[in-house]
């Protein structure tokens, strides 16, 4: 089933969930978590997206992010 397109407003907090395929694990070691955080910080920093909070689970991620522009969220997270 198709998802409804996300409405993105600049300077407004968004709750983003990223899941593994079929909810399979995406993190297998501490190094995986660290690599994800390092890459997410780099991409969000480049696109002007503030990360207010995150929760990394074994098979998914929750983020509270604030994009500086309407395109920033897709560029930082959707295309990362």
PDB file of N, CA and C in Angstrom:
ATOM      1  N   UNK A   1       0.843  -1.170   0.000  1.00  0.00           N
ATOM      2  CA  UNK A   1       0.000   0.000   0.000  1.00  0.00           C
ATOM      3  C   UNK A   1       0.892   1.238   0.000  1.00  0.00           C
ATOM      4  N   UNK A   2       0.553   2.221  -0.789  1.00  0.00           N
ATOM      5  CA  UNK A   2       1.344   3.443  -0.903  1.00  0.00           C
ATOM      6  C   UNK A   2       1.172   4.315   0.335  1.00  0.00           C
ATOM      7  N   UNK A   3       2.233   5.037   0.664  1.00  0.00           N
ATOM      8  CA  UNK A   3       2.173   5.970   1.784  1.00  0.00           C
ATOM      9  C   UNK A   3       1.658   7.317   1.313  1.00  0.00           C
ATOM     10  N   UNK A   4       1.055   8.051   2.211  1.00  0.00           N
ATOM     11  CA  UNK A   4       0.654   9.426   1.933  1.00  0.00           C
ATOM     12  C   UNK A   4       1.913  10.278   2.010  1.00  0.00           C
ATOM     13  N   UNK A   5       2.061  11.199   1.074  1.00  0.00           N
ATOM     14  CA  UNK A   5       3.247  12.057   1.049  1.00  0.00           C
ATOM     15  C   UNK A   5       3.324  12.889   2.327  1.00  0.00           C
ATOM     16  N   UNK A   6       4.522  13.014   2.858  1.00  0.00           N
ATOM     17  CA  UNK A   6       4.741  13.797   4.073  1.00  0.00           C
ATOM     18  C   UNK A   6       4.659  15.285   3.750  1.00  0.00           C
ATOM     19  N   UNK A   7       3.942  16.023   4.582  1.00  0.00           N
ATOM     20  CA  UNK A   7       3.908  17.476   4.470  1.00  0.00           C
ATOM     21  C   UNK A   7       5.034  18.000   5.349  1.00  0.00           C
ATOM     22  N   UNK A   8       5.959  18.728   4.760  1.00  0.00           N
ATOM     23  CA  UNK A   8       7.116  19.233   5.493  1.00  0.00           C
ATOM     24  C   UNK A   8       7.021  20.742   5.608  1.00  0.00           C
ATOM     25  N   UNK A   9       7.070  21.225   6.824  1.00  0.00           N
ATOM     26  CA  UNK A   9       7.084  22.661   7.077  1.00  0.00           C
ATOM     27  C   UNK A   9       8.434  23.015   7.687  1.00  0.00           C
ATOM     28  N   UNK A  10       9.051  24.038   7.154  1.00  0.00           N
ATOM     29  CA  UNK A  10      10.350  24.482   7.673  1.00  0.00           C
ATOM     30  C   UNK A  10      10.188  24.998   9.097  1.00  0.00           C
ATOM     31  N   UNK A  11      11.210  24.767   9.910  1.00  0.00           N
ATOM     32  CA  UNK A  11      11.269  25.245  11.292  1.00  0.00           C
ATOM     33  C   UNK A  11      10.198  24.631  12.196  1.00  0.00           C
ATOM     34  N   UNK A  12       9.660  23.482  11.816  1.00  0.00           N
ATOM     35  CA  UNK A  12       8.655  22.777  12.617  1.00  0.00           C
ATOM     36  C   UNK A  12       9.188  21.374  12.921  1.00  0.00           C
ATOM     37  N   UNK A  13       9.114  20.921  14.186  1.00  0.00           N
ATOM     38  CA  UNK A  13       9.598  19.576  14.512  1.00  0.00           C
ATOM     39  C   UNK A  13       8.792  18.487  13.799  1.00  0.00           C
ATOM     40  N   UNK A  14       9.497  17.445  13.351  1.00  0.00           N
ATOM     41  CA  UNK A  14       8.882  16.302  12.681  1.00  0.00           C
ATOM     42  C   UNK A  14       9.352  15.021  13.356  1.00  0.00           C
ATOM     43  N   UNK A  15       8.427  14.076  13.525  1.00  0.00           N
ATOM     44  CA  UNK A  15       8.778  12.752  14.028  1.00  0.00           C
ATOM     45  C   UNK A  15       8.981  11.859  12.810  1.00  0.00           C
ATOM     46  N   UNK A  16      10.177  11.331  12.658  1.00  0.00           N
ATOM     47  CA  UNK A  16      10.521  10.494  11.510  1.00  0.00           C
ATOM     48  C   UNK A  16      10.856   9.096  12.019  1.00  0.00           C
ATOM     49  N   UNK A  17      10.299   8.087  11.360  1.00  0.00           N
ATOM     50  CA  UNK A  17      10.602   6.696  11.692  1.00  0.00           C
ATOM     51  C   UNK A  17      11.206   6.048  10.455  1.00  0.00           C
ATOM     52  N   UNK A  18      12.340   5.405  10.631  1.00  0.00           N
ATOM     53  CA  UNK A  18      12.982   4.646   9.555  1.00  0.00           C
ATOM     54  C   UNK A  18      13.033   3.193  10.004  1.00  0.00           C
ATOM     55  N   UNK A  19      12.505   2.302   9.181  1.00  0.00           N
ATOM     56  CA  UNK A  19      12.466   0.883   9.533  1.00  0.00           C
ATOM     57  C   UNK A  19      13.280   0.060   8.541  1.00  0.00           C
ATOM     58  N   UNK A  20      13.763  -1.081   9.017  1.00  0.00           N
ATOM     59  CA  UNK A  20      14.408  -2.032   8.124  1.00  0.00           C
ATOM     60  C   UNK A  20      13.359  -2.715   7.259  1.00  0.00           C
ATOM     61  N   UNK A  21      13.774  -3.291   6.151  1.00  0.00           N
ATOM     62  CA  UNK A  21      12.848  -4.032   5.296  1.00  0.00           C
ATOM     63  C   UNK A  21      12.195  -5.154   6.092  1.00  0.00           C
ATOM     64  N   UNK A  22      10.875  -5.230   5.999  1.00  0.00           N
ATOM     65  CA  UNK A  22      10.107  -6.253   6.729  1.00  0.00           C
ATOM     66  C   UNK A  22      10.439  -6.249   8.214  1.00  0.00           C
ATOM     67  N   UNK A  23      10.811  -5.074   8.704  1.00  0.00           N
ATOM     68  CA  UNK A  23      11.156  -4.869  10.120  1.00  0.00           C
ATOM     69  C   UNK A  23      12.315  -5.749  10.580  1.00  0.00           C
ATOM     70  N   UNK A  24      13.195  -6.063   9.646  1.00  0.00           N
ATOM     71  CA  UNK A  24      14.382  -6.840   9.984  1.00  0.00           C
ATOM     72  C   UNK A  24      15.406  -5.929  10.655  1.00  0.00           C
ATOM     73  N   UNK A  25      16.322  -6.486  11.428  1.00  0.00           N
ATOM     74  CA  UNK A  25      17.349  -5.674  12.079  1.00  0.00           C
ATOM     75  C   UNK A  25      18.183  -4.879  11.076  1.00  0.00           C
ATOM     76  N   UNK A  26      18.546  -3.669  11.479  1.00  0.00           N
ATOM     77  CA  UNK A  26      19.419  -2.829  10.660  1.00  0.00           C
ATOM     78  C   UNK A  26      20.738  -2.537  11.371  1.00  0.00           C
ATOM     79  N   UNK A  27      20.768  -2.767  12.678  1.00  0.00           N
ATOM     80  CA  UNK A  27      21.987  -2.572  13.458  1.00  0.00           C
ATOM     81  C   UNK A  27      22.390  -3.918  14.051  1.00  0.00           C
ATOM     82  N   UNK A  28      23.653  -4.269  13.873  1.00  0.00           N
ATOM     83  CA  UNK A  28      24.129  -5.560  14.347  1.00  0.00           C
ATOM     84  C   UNK A  28      25.258  -5.444  15.367  1.00  0.00           C
ATOM     85  N   UNK A  29      25.817  -4.243  15.506  1.00  0.00           N
ATOM     86  CA  UNK A  29      26.907  -4.047  16.456  1.00  0.00           C
ATOM     87  C   UNK A  29      26.931  -2.589  16.894  1.00  0.00           C
ATOM     88  N   UNK A  30      27.696  -2.320  17.922  1.00  0.00           N
ATOM     89  CA  UNK A  30      27.860  -0.948  18.393  1.00  0.00           C
ATOM     90  C   UNK A  30      28.442  -0.065  17.297  1.00  0.00           C
ATOM     91  N   UNK A  31      29.313  -0.620  16.483  1.00  0.00           N
ATOM     92  CA  UNK A  31      29.909   0.143  15.378  1.00  0.00           C
ATOM     93  C   UNK A  31      28.844   0.599  14.384  1.00  0.00           C
ATOM     94  N   UNK A  32      27.812  -0.217  14.163  1.00  0.00           N
ATOM     95  CA  UNK A  32      26.727   0.162  13.255  1.00  0.00           C
ATOM     96  C   UNK A  32      25.985   1.386  13.781  1.00  0.00           C
ATOM     97  N   UNK A  33      25.679   1.398  15.078  1.00  0.00           N
ATOM     98  CA  UNK A  33      25.000   2.541  15.683  1.00  0.00           C
ATOM     99  C   UNK A  33      25.849   3.805  15.547  1.00  0.00           C
ATOM    100  N   UNK A  34      27.129   3.678  15.840  1.00  0.00           N
ATOM    101  CA  UNK A  34      28.031   4.832  15.758  1.00  0.00           C
ATOM    102  C   UNK A  34      28.146   5.350  14.331  1.00  0.00           C
ATOM    103  N   UNK A  35      28.227   4.451  13.366  1.00  0.00           N
ATOM    104  CA  UNK A  35      28.313   4.865  11.960  1.00  0.00           C
ATOM    105  C   UNK A  35      27.043   5.586  11.535  1.00  0.00           C
ATOM    106  N   UNK A  36      25.885   5.081  11.937  1.00  0.00           N
ATOM    107  CA  UNK A  36      24.613   5.727  11.600  1.00  0.00           C
ATOM    108  C   UNK A  36      24.583   7.150  12.156  1.00  0.00           C
ATOM    109  N   UNK A  37      24.933   7.299  13.427  1.00  0.00           N
ATOM    110  CA  UNK A  37      24.907   8.626  14.045  1.00  0.00           C
ATOM    111  C   UNK A  37      25.887   9.578  13.372  1.00  0.00           C
ATOM    112  N   UNK A  38      27.059   9.088  13.020  1.00  0.00           N
ATOM    113  CA  UNK A  38      28.057   9.921  12.350  1.00  0.00           C
ATOM    114  C   UNK A  38      27.539  10.387  10.986  1.00  0.00           C
ATOM    115  N   UNK A  39      26.989   9.468  10.202  1.00  0.00           N
ATOM    116  CA  UNK A  39      26.473   9.823   8.881  1.00  0.00           C
ATOM    117  C   UNK A  39      25.251  10.736   8.976  1.00  0.00           C
ATOM    118  N   UNK A  40      24.356  10.456   9.918  1.00  0.00           N
ATOM    119  CA  UNK A  40      23.163  11.290  10.079  1.00  0.00           C
ATOM    120  C   UNK A  40      23.555  12.710  10.480  1.00  0.00           C
ATOM    121  N   UNK A  41      24.524  12.850  11.367  1.00  0.00           N
ATOM    122  CA  UNK A  41      24.984  14.178  11.768  1.00  0.00           C
ATOM    123  C   UNK A  41      25.566  14.933  10.579  1.00  0.00           C
ATOM    124  N   UNK A  42      26.335  14.244   9.756  1.00  0.00           N
ATOM    125  CA  UNK A  42      26.938  14.890   8.585  1.00  0.00           C
ATOM    126  C   UNK A  42      25.873  15.333   7.588  1.00  0.00           C
ATOM    127  N   UNK A  43      24.941  14.441   7.241  1.00  0.00           N
ATOM    128  CA  UNK A  43      23.902  14.775   6.254  1.00  0.00           C
ATOM    129  C   UNK A  43      22.982  15.871   6.778  1.00  0.00           C
ATOM    130  N   UNK A  44      22.565  15.765   8.026  1.00  0.00           N
ATOM    131  CA  UNK A  44      21.674  16.784   8.588  1.00  0.00           C
ATOM    132  C   UNK A  44      22.386  18.126   8.688  1.00  0.00           C
ATOM    133  N   UNK A  45      23.645  18.111   9.071  1.00  0.00           N
ATOM    134  CA  UNK A  45      24.414  19.351   9.136  1.00  0.00           C
ATOM    135  C   UNK A  45      24.543  20.025   7.787  1.00  0.00           C
ATOM    136  N   UNK A  46      24.772  19.249   6.742  1.00  0.00           N
ATOM    137  CA  UNK A  46      24.905  19.802   5.388  1.00  0.00           C
ATOM    138  C   UNK A  46      23.598  20.404   4.889  1.00  0.00           C
ATOM    139  N   UNK A  47      22.471  19.865   5.311  1.00  0.00           N
ATOM    140  CA  UNK A  47      21.171  20.302   4.799  1.00  0.00           C
ATOM    141  C   UNK A  47      20.424  21.234   5.751  1.00  0.00           C
ATOM    142  N   UNK A  48      21.041  21.618   6.847  1.00  0.00           N
ATOM    143  CA  UNK A  48      20.408  22.549   7.775  1.00  0.00           C
ATOM    144  C   UNK A  48      19.249  21.946   8.550  1.00  0.00           C
ATOM    145  N   UNK A  49      19.383  20.681   8.927  1.00  0.00           N
ATOM    146  CA  UNK A  49      18.348  19.993   9.700  1.00  0.00           C
ATOM    147  C   UNK A  49      18.877  19.768  11.114  1.00  0.00           C
ATOM    148  N   UNK A  50      18.148  20.274  12.108  1.00  0.00           N
ATOM    149  CA  UNK A  50      18.529  20.068  13.503  1.00  0.00           C
ATOM    150  C   UNK A  50      17.960  18.739  13.986  1.00  0.00           C
ATOM    151  N   UNK A  51      18.762  17.975  14.687  1.00  0.00           N
ATOM    152  CA  UNK A  51      18.292  16.732  15.305  1.00  0.00           C
ATOM    153  C   UNK A  51      18.096  17.027  16.784  1.00  0.00           C
ATOM    154  N   UNK A  52      16.846  17.033  17.203  1.00  0.00           N
ATOM    155  CA  UNK A  52      16.532  17.320  18.600  1.00  0.00           C
ATOM    156  C   UNK A  52      16.637  16.070  19.469  1.00  0.00           C
ATOM    157  N   UNK A  53      16.235  14.931  18.927  1.00  0.00           N
ATOM    158  CA  UNK A  53      16.265  13.691  19.710  1.00  0.00           C
ATOM    159  C   UNK A  53      16.290  12.502  18.760  1.00  0.00           C
ATOM    160  N   UNK A  54      16.784  11.387  19.265  1.00  0.00           N
ATOM    161  CA  UNK A  54      16.774  10.158  18.478  1.00  0.00           C
ATOM    162  C   UNK A  54      16.697   8.962  19.413  1.00  0.00           C
ATOM    163  N   UNK A  55      16.179   7.866  18.879  1.00  0.00           N
ATOM    164  CA  UNK A  55      16.141   6.593  19.588  1.00  0.00           C
ATOM    165  C   UNK A  55      16.468   5.520  18.561  1.00  0.00           C
ATOM    166  N   UNK A  56      17.587   4.859  18.749  1.00  0.00           N
ATOM    167  CA  UNK A  56      18.025   3.826  17.814  1.00  0.00           C
ATOM    168  C   UNK A  56      17.676   2.457  18.383  1.00  0.00           C
ATOM    169  N   UNK A  57      16.765   1.765  17.717  1.00  0.00           N
ATOM    170  CA  UNK A  57      16.365   0.416  18.101  1.00  0.00           C
ATOM    171  C   UNK A  57      17.071  -0.557  17.148  1.00  0.00           C
ATOM    172  N   UNK A  58      17.002  -1.835  17.419  1.00  0.00           N
ATOM    173  CA  UNK A  58      17.706  -2.783  16.552  1.00  0.00           C
ATOM    174  C   UNK A  58      17.151  -2.811  15.136  1.00  0.00           C
ATOM    175  N   UNK A  59      15.834  -2.595  14.982  1.00  0.00           N
ATOM    176  CA  UNK A  59      15.238  -2.703  13.648  1.00  0.00           C
ATOM    177  C   UNK A  59      14.606  -1.414  13.132  1.00  0.00           C
ATOM    178  N   UNK A  60      14.714  -0.323  13.878  1.00  0.00           N
ATOM    179  CA  UNK A  60      14.190   0.948  13.405  1.00  0.00           C
ATOM    180  C   UNK A  60      14.780   2.107  14.198  1.00  0.00           C
ATOM    181  N   UNK A  61      14.501   3.305  13.686  1.00  0.00           N
ATOM    182  CA  UNK A  61      15.031   4.533  14.276  1.00  0.00           C
ATOM    183  C   UNK A  61      13.895   5.534  14.413  1.00  0.00           C
ATOM    184  N   UNK A  62      13.853   6.239  15.532  1.00  0.00           N
ATOM    185  CA  UNK A  62      12.935   7.363  15.707  1.00  0.00           C
ATOM    186  C   UNK A  62      13.779   8.629  15.777  1.00  0.00           C
ATOM    187  N   UNK A  63      13.368   9.653  15.052  1.00  0.00           N
ATOM    188  CA  UNK A  63      14.068  10.935  15.063  1.00  0.00           C
ATOM    189  C   UNK A  63      13.073  12.063  15.288  1.00  0.00           C
ATOM    190  N   UNK A  64      13.465  13.055  16.057  1.00  0.00           N
ATOM    191  CA  UNK A  64      12.744  14.326  16.116  1.00  0.00           C
ATOM    192  C   UNK A  64      13.693  15.324  15.476  1.00  0.00           C
ATOM    193  N   UNK A  65      13.302  15.814  14.308  1.00  0.00           N
ATOM    194  CA  UNK A  65      14.169  16.698  13.526  1.00  0.00           C
ATOM    195  C   UNK A  65      13.415  17.958  13.132  1.00  0.00           C
ATOM    196  N   UNK A  66      14.179  19.034  12.944  1.00  0.00           N
ATOM    197  CA  UNK A  66      13.610  20.313  12.527  1.00  0.00           C
ATOM    198  C   UNK A  66      14.352  20.772  11.279  1.00  0.00           C
ATOM    199  N   UNK A  67      13.702  20.690  10.113  1.00  0.00           N
ATOM    200  CA  UNK A  67      14.363  21.122   8.879  1.00  0.00           C
ATOM    201  C   UNK A  67      14.374  22.639   8.767  1.00  0.00           C
ATOM    202  N   UNK A  68      15.458  23.170   8.226  1.00  0.00           N
ATOM    203  CA  UNK A  68      15.551  24.607   7.998  1.00  0.00           C
ATOM    204  C   UNK A  68      14.804  25.047   6.756  1.00  0.00           C
ATOM    205  N   UNK A  69      14.509  24.102   5.861  1.00  0.00           N
ATOM    206  CA  UNK A  69      13.758  24.395   4.640  1.00  0.00           C
ATOM    207  C   UNK A  69      12.844  23.214   4.334  1.00  0.00           C
ATOM    208  N   UNK A  70      11.890  23.422   3.440  1.00  0.00           N
ATOM    209  CA  UNK A  70      10.966  22.344   3.085  1.00  0.00           C
ATOM    210  C   UNK A  70      11.688  21.174   2.426  1.00  0.00           C
ATOM    211  N   UNK A  71      12.752  21.442   1.686  1.00  0.00           N
ATOM    212  CA  UNK A  71      13.491  20.380   1.004  1.00  0.00           C
ATOM    213  C   UNK A  71      14.548  19.732   1.896  1.00  0.00           C
ATOM    214  N   UNK A  72      14.898  20.388   2.984  1.00  0.00           N
ATOM    215  CA  UNK A  72      15.985  19.913   3.837  1.00  0.00           C
ATOM    216  C   UNK A  72      15.775  18.524   4.399  1.00  0.00           C
ATOM    217  N   UNK A  73      14.555  18.217   4.805  1.00  0.00           N
ATOM    218  CA  UNK A  73      14.287  16.909   5.401  1.00  0.00           C
ATOM    219  C   UNK A  73      14.502  15.785   4.392  1.00  0.00           C
ATOM    220  N   UNK A  74      13.974  15.937   3.195  1.00  0.00           N
ATOM    221  CA  UNK A  74      14.150  14.904   2.160  1.00  0.00           C
ATOM    222  C   UNK A  74      15.612  14.763   1.774  1.00  0.00           C
ATOM    223  N   UNK A  75      16.312  15.865   1.695  1.00  0.00           N
ATOM    224  CA  UNK A  75      17.728  15.812   1.302  1.00  0.00           C
ATOM    225  C   UNK A  75      18.593  15.183   2.386  1.00  0.00           C
ATOM    226  N   UNK A  76      18.285  15.467   3.638  1.00  0.00           N
ATOM    227  CA  UNK A  76      19.112  14.961   4.731  1.00  0.00           C
ATOM    228  C   UNK A  76      18.790  13.518   5.080  1.00  0.00           C
ATOM    229  N   UNK A  77      17.514  13.167   5.122  1.00  0.00           N
ATOM    230  CA  UNK A  77      17.116  11.848   5.601  1.00  0.00           C
ATOM    231  C   UNK A  77      16.572  10.978   4.483  1.00  0.00           C
ATOM    232  N   UNK A  78      15.725  11.521   3.650  1.00  0.00           N
ATOM    233  CA  UNK A  78      15.091  10.739   2.596  1.00  0.00           C
ATOM    234  C   UNK A  78      16.049  10.251   1.538  1.00  0.00           C
ATOM    235  N   UNK A  79      17.097  11.000   1.289  1.00  0.00           N
ATOM    236  CA  UNK A  79      18.052  10.638   0.249  1.00  0.00           C
ATOM    237  C   UNK A  79      19.363  10.126   0.817  1.00  0.00           C
ATOM    238  N   UNK A  80      19.490  10.102   2.132  1.00  0.00           N
ATOM    239  CA  UNK A  80      20.745   9.676   2.758  1.00  0.00           C
ATOM    240  C   UNK A  80      20.919   8.181   2.656  1.00  0.00           C
TER     241      UNK A  80
END
